[in-house]
Amino acid sequence: MSKLNVGFICVHNACRSQIAEALGRHLAGATFNSFSAGTTAAARIDPQAARTMADLYQLDLSAQFSKPLAQLPALDIVITMGCEVDCPMVPSRYREDWGLADPTGQTPAVYRACAETIAAKILDLQKRIQQDQLPLTPLTPQTDQAPDAID
């Protein structure tokens, strides 16, 4: 079976979704391809998010950049970060919301806790993919088989 494409989406694609993209590649890259985007791309990645990833996981986010939804490839799985805004529908075979509070502007400890939560969720997603526990639905060009609009 080929690797699934997983897209991590939030508003600005500057913090949570960037952390998820990097951790997805680092922790689950053998299982799925990781991408991220935002409904409104930011000018840059949150510097504290980048420092947190370097400190916790020795990951360099300098090659990553904020991207709009239009730059995403075809996705099998969409993970929203808990944006609390209506996002346009992104076609996928499965989607879920992780309900993560945005750590932007908070203390380094809040960023660390957010990154650790994302890491745990990445590993859980990897396990569910490996064990065929996700209800992946067929995707047709006209129909997004996902539930209502992303929050």
C-alpha atoms as a PDB file:
ATOM      1  CA  MET A   1       0.000   0.000   0.000  1.00  0.00           C
ATOM      2  CA  SER A   2       1.311   3.460  -0.856  1.00  0.00           C
ATOM      3  CA  LYS A   3       1.695   6.076   1.837  1.00  0.00           C
ATOM      4  CA  LEU A   4      -1.288   8.277   2.572  1.00  0.00           C
ATOM      5  CA  ASN A   5      -1.107  12.063   2.265  1.00  0.00           C
ATOM      6  CA  VAL A   6      -2.018  13.831   5.510  1.00  0.00           C
ATOM      7  CA  GLY A   7      -2.683  17.560   5.597  1.00  0.00           C
ATOM      8  CA  PHE A   8      -2.501  19.558   8.831  1.00  0.00           C
ATOM      9  CA  ILE A   9      -4.571  22.721   8.554  1.00  0.00           C
ATOM     10  CA  CYS A  10      -5.063  25.781  10.738  1.00  0.00           C
ATOM     11  CA  VAL A  11      -5.649  29.472  10.188  1.00  0.00           C
ATOM     12  CA  HIS A  12      -2.195  30.953   9.560  1.00  0.00           C
ATOM     13  CA  ASN A  13      -0.057  27.834   9.067  1.00  0.00           C
ATOM     14  CA  ALA A  14       2.537  29.409  11.339  1.00  0.00           C
ATOM     15  CA  CYS A  15       2.552  27.288  14.501  1.00  0.00           C
ATOM     16  CA  ARG A  16       0.432  24.182  15.246  1.00  0.00           C
ATOM     17  CA  SER A  17       0.121  22.929  11.682  1.00  0.00           C
ATOM     18  CA  GLN A  18       3.832  23.571  11.042  1.00  0.00           C
ATOM     19  CA  ILE A  19       4.733  21.630  14.189  1.00  0.00           C
ATOM     20  CA  ALA A  20       2.453  18.792  13.024  1.00  0.00           C
ATOM     21  CA  GLU A  21       3.976  18.736   9.534  1.00  0.00           C
ATOM     22  CA  ALA A  22       7.504  18.493  10.969  1.00  0.00           C
ATOM     23  CA  LEU A  23       6.576  15.888  13.570  1.00  0.00           C
ATOM     24  CA  GLY A  24       4.623  13.887  11.023  1.00  0.00           C
ATOM     25  CA  ARG A  25       7.714  13.644   8.845  1.00  0.00           C
ATOM     26  CA  HIS A  26       9.965  12.916  11.833  1.00  0.00           C
ATOM     27  CA  LEU A  27       7.816  10.425  13.740  1.00  0.00           C
ATOM     28  CA  ALA A  28       5.602   8.842  11.080  1.00  0.00           C
ATOM     29  CA  GLY A  29       7.300   9.490   7.756  1.00  0.00           C
ATOM     30  CA  ALA A  30       7.436   5.774   6.989  1.00  0.00           C
ATOM     31  CA  THR A  31       3.643   5.609   7.281  1.00  0.00           C
ATOM     32  CA  PHE A  32       2.357   8.856   5.753  1.00  0.00           C
ATOM     33  CA  ASN A  33       3.405  11.996   3.886  1.00  0.00           C
ATOM     34  CA  SER A  34       2.920  15.216   5.866  1.00  0.00           C
ATOM     35  CA  PHE A  35       1.801  18.582   4.521  1.00  0.00           C
ATOM     36  CA  SER A  36       0.447  21.741   6.126  1.00  0.00           C
ATOM     37  CA  ALA A  37      -1.414  24.846   5.033  1.00  0.00           C
ATOM     38  CA  GLY A  38      -3.525  27.675   6.378  1.00  0.00           C
ATOM     39  CA  THR A  39      -6.712  29.407   5.397  1.00  0.00           C
ATOM     40  CA  THR A  40      -4.697  32.659   5.484  1.00  0.00           C
ATOM     41  CA  ALA A  41      -0.970  32.114   5.106  1.00  0.00           C
ATOM     42  CA  ALA A  42       1.292  33.962   7.545  1.00  0.00           C
ATOM     43  CA  ALA A  43       4.398  35.938   6.639  1.00  0.00           C
ATOM     44  CA  ARG A  44       6.603  33.479   8.563  1.00  0.00           C
ATOM     45  CA  ILE A  45       6.620  30.541  10.923  1.00  0.00           C
ATOM     46  CA  ASP A  46       6.234  31.454  14.587  1.00  0.00           C
ATOM     47  CA  PRO A  47       9.823  31.801  15.926  1.00  0.00           C
ATOM     48  CA  GLN A  48       8.903  30.233  19.283  1.00  0.00           C
ATOM     49  CA  ALA A  49       7.401  27.224  17.480  1.00  0.00           C
ATOM     50  CA  ALA A  50      10.679  26.809  15.584  1.00  0.00           C
ATOM     51  CA  ARG A  51      12.719  27.106  18.823  1.00  0.00           C
ATOM     52  CA  THR A  52      10.462  24.578  20.539  1.00  0.00           C
ATOM     53  CA  MET A  53      10.937  22.049  17.745  1.00  0.00           C
ATOM     54  CA  ALA A  54      14.707  22.566  17.805  1.00  0.00           C
ATOM     55  CA  ASP A  55      14.846  22.212  21.592  1.00  0.00           C
ATOM     56  CA  LEU A  56      12.512  19.218  21.952  1.00  0.00           C
ATOM     57  CA  TYR A  57      13.190  17.220  18.791  1.00  0.00           C
ATOM     58  CA  GLN A  58      16.321  18.749  17.230  1.00  0.00           C
ATOM     59  CA  LEU A  59      14.224  19.583  14.155  1.00  0.00           C
ATOM     60  CA  ASP A  60      15.057  22.566  11.979  1.00  0.00           C
ATOM     61  CA  LEU A  61      11.937  24.272  10.603  1.00  0.00           C
ATOM     62  CA  SER A  62      13.883  26.831   8.554  1.00  0.00           C
ATOM     63  CA  ALA A  63      13.025  25.078   5.257  1.00  0.00           C
ATOM     64  CA  GLN A  64       9.296  25.107   6.061  1.00  0.00           C
ATOM     65  CA  PHE A  65       7.094  28.055   5.149  1.00  0.00           C
ATOM     66  CA  SER A  66       3.477  29.084   5.478  1.00  0.00           C
ATOM     67  CA  LYS A  67       1.324  27.899   2.568  1.00  0.00           C
ATOM     68  CA  PRO A  68      -2.259  28.562   1.452  1.00  0.00           C
ATOM     69  CA  LEU A  69      -4.724  25.687   1.057  1.00  0.00           C
ATOM     70  CA  ALA A  70      -4.391  25.883  -2.736  1.00  0.00           C
ATOM     71  CA  GLN A  71      -0.815  24.579  -2.491  1.00  0.00           C
ATOM     72  CA  LEU A  72      -1.830  21.291  -0.859  1.00  0.00           C
ATOM     73  CA  PRO A  73      -1.590  18.109  -2.923  1.00  0.00           C
ATOM     74  CA  ALA A  74      -4.509  15.673  -3.015  1.00  0.00           C
ATOM     75  CA  LEU A  75      -5.072  14.568   0.587  1.00  0.00           C
ATOM     76  CA  ASP A  76      -6.299  11.297   2.013  1.00  0.00           C
ATOM     77  CA  ILE A  77      -6.582  12.665   5.551  1.00  0.00           C
ATOM     78  CA  VAL A  78      -7.235  16.208   6.766  1.00  0.00           C
ATOM     79  CA  ILE A  79      -6.411  17.102  10.356  1.00  0.00           C
ATOM     80  CA  THR A  80      -7.570  20.491  11.582  1.00  0.00           C
ATOM     81  CA  MET A  81      -5.853  21.930  14.601  1.00  0.00           C
ATOM     82  CA  GLY A  82      -8.868  23.441  16.351  1.00  0.00           C
ATOM     83  CA  CYS A  83      -9.058  26.736  14.531  1.00  0.00           C
ATOM     84  CA  GLU A  84     -12.502  27.752  15.788  1.00  0.00           C
ATOM     85  CA  VAL A  85     -13.243  29.305  12.397  1.00  0.00           C
ATOM     86  CA  ASP A  86     -15.098  27.992   9.384  1.00  0.00           C
ATOM     87  CA  CYS A  87     -12.575  26.610   6.929  1.00  0.00           C
ATOM     88  CA  PRO A  88     -13.338  25.820   3.310  1.00  0.00           C
ATOM     89  CA  MET A  89     -13.840  22.163   2.630  1.00  0.00           C
ATOM     90  CA  VAL A  90     -10.674  20.398   1.608  1.00  0.00           C
ATOM     91  CA  PRO A  91     -11.440  17.137  -0.198  1.00  0.00           C
ATOM     92  CA  SER A  92     -10.237  14.092   1.695  1.00  0.00           C
ATOM     93  CA  ARG A  93     -11.149  10.522   2.500  1.00  0.00           C
ATOM     94  CA  TYR A  94     -11.165  11.149   6.257  1.00  0.00           C
ATOM     95  CA  ARG A  95     -10.924  14.151   8.542  1.00  0.00           C
ATOM     96  CA  GLU A  96     -10.744  14.928  12.224  1.00  0.00           C
ATOM     97  CA  ASP A  97     -10.185  17.961  14.411  1.00  0.00           C
ATOM     98  CA  TRP A  98      -7.556  17.860  17.148  1.00  0.00           C
ATOM     99  CA  GLY A  99      -9.004  20.816  19.083  1.00  0.00           C
ATOM    100  CA  LEU A 100      -5.656  22.323  20.060  1.00  0.00           C
ATOM    101  CA  ALA A 101      -5.488  25.796  21.578  1.00  0.00           C
ATOM    102  CA  ASP A 102      -3.154  28.131  19.710  1.00  0.00           C
ATOM    103  CA  PRO A 103       0.003  28.698  21.791  1.00  0.00           C
ATOM    104  CA  THR A 104       0.959  31.859  19.867  1.00  0.00           C
ATOM    105  CA  GLY A 105       2.168  34.545  22.269  1.00  0.00           C
ATOM    106  CA  GLN A 106       2.168  32.185  25.259  1.00  0.00           C
ATOM    107  CA  THR A 107       5.084  30.991  27.374  1.00  0.00           C
ATOM    108  CA  PRO A 108       7.645  28.462  26.110  1.00  0.00           C
ATOM    109  CA  ALA A 109       6.028  25.882  28.412  1.00  0.00           C
ATOM    110  CA  VAL A 110       2.719  26.256  26.547  1.00  0.00           C
ATOM    111  CA  TYR A 111       4.485  25.721  23.203  1.00  0.00           C
ATOM    112  CA  ARG A 112       6.241  22.669  24.632  1.00  0.00           C
ATOM    113  CA  ALA A 113       2.958  21.195  25.884  1.00  0.00           C
ATOM    114  CA  CYS A 114       1.332  21.831  22.496  1.00  0.00           C
ATOM    115  CA  ALA A 115       4.213  20.155  20.631  1.00  0.00           C
ATOM    116  CA  GLU A 116       4.147  17.166  22.980  1.00  0.00           C
ATOM    117  CA  THR A 117       0.383  16.806  22.491  1.00  0.00           C
ATOM    118  CA  ILE A 118       0.826  16.947  18.721  1.00  0.00           C
ATOM    119  CA  ALA A 119       3.583  14.312  18.900  1.00  0.00           C
ATOM    120  CA  ALA A 120       1.286  11.970  20.835  1.00  0.00           C
ATOM    121  CA  LYS A 121      -1.534  12.557  18.350  1.00  0.00           C
ATOM    122  CA  ILE A 122       0.825  11.913  15.404  1.00  0.00           C
ATOM    123  CA  LEU A 123       1.870   8.578  16.915  1.00  0.00           C
ATOM    124  CA  ASP A 124      -1.769   7.663  17.557  1.00  0.00           C
ATOM    125  CA  LEU A 125      -2.710   8.571  13.971  1.00  0.00           C
ATOM    126  CA  GLN A 126       0.197   6.474  12.692  1.00  0.00           C
ATOM    127  CA  LYS A 127      -0.968   3.500  14.753  1.00  0.00           C
ATOM    128  CA  ARG A 128      -4.558   3.825  13.530  1.00  0.00           C
ATOM    129  CA  ILE A 129      -3.375   4.008   9.912  1.00  0.00           C
ATOM    130  CA  GLN A 130      -1.116   0.971  10.335  1.00  0.00           C
ATOM    131  CA  GLN A 131      -3.964  -0.999  11.919  1.00  0.00           C
ATOM    132  CA  ASP A 132      -6.520   0.076   9.268  1.00  0.00           C
ATOM    133  CA  GLN A 133      -8.687   1.709  11.944  1.00  0.00           C
ATOM    134  CA  LEU A 134      -9.643   4.815   9.963  1.00  0.00           C
ATOM    135  CA  PRO A 135     -12.888   4.816   7.988  1.00  0.00           C
ATOM    136  CA  LEU A 136     -11.323   5.978   4.704  1.00  0.00           C
ATOM    137  CA  THR A 137     -14.065   6.665   2.176  1.00  0.00           C
ATOM    138  CA  PRO A 138     -13.728   6.842  -1.586  1.00  0.00           C
ATOM    139  CA  LEU A 139     -13.237  10.345  -2.896  1.00  0.00           C
ATOM    140  CA  THR A 140     -14.736  11.426  -6.177  1.00  0.00           C
ATOM    141  CA  PRO A 141     -13.921  14.711  -7.905  1.00  0.00           C
ATOM    142  CA  GLN A 142     -17.416  16.080  -7.265  1.00  0.00           C
ATOM    143  CA  THR A 143     -17.883  14.891  -3.695  1.00  0.00           C
ATOM    144  CA  ASP A 144     -15.997  15.426  -0.481  1.00  0.00           C
ATOM    145  CA  GLN A 145     -17.028  12.482   1.673  1.00  0.00           C
ATOM    146  CA  ALA A 146     -16.162  14.374   4.845  1.00  0.00           C
ATOM    147  CA  PRO A 147     -18.585  15.770   7.417  1.00  0.00           C
ATOM    148  CA  ASP A 148     -19.713  19.385   7.569  1.00  0.00           C
ATOM    149  CA  ALA A 149     -17.405  22.397   7.365  1.00  0.00           C
ATOM    150  CA  ILE A 150     -14.211  22.322   9.361  1.00  0.00           C
ATOM    151  CA  ASP A 151     -14.194  24.232  12.622  1.00  0.00           C
END
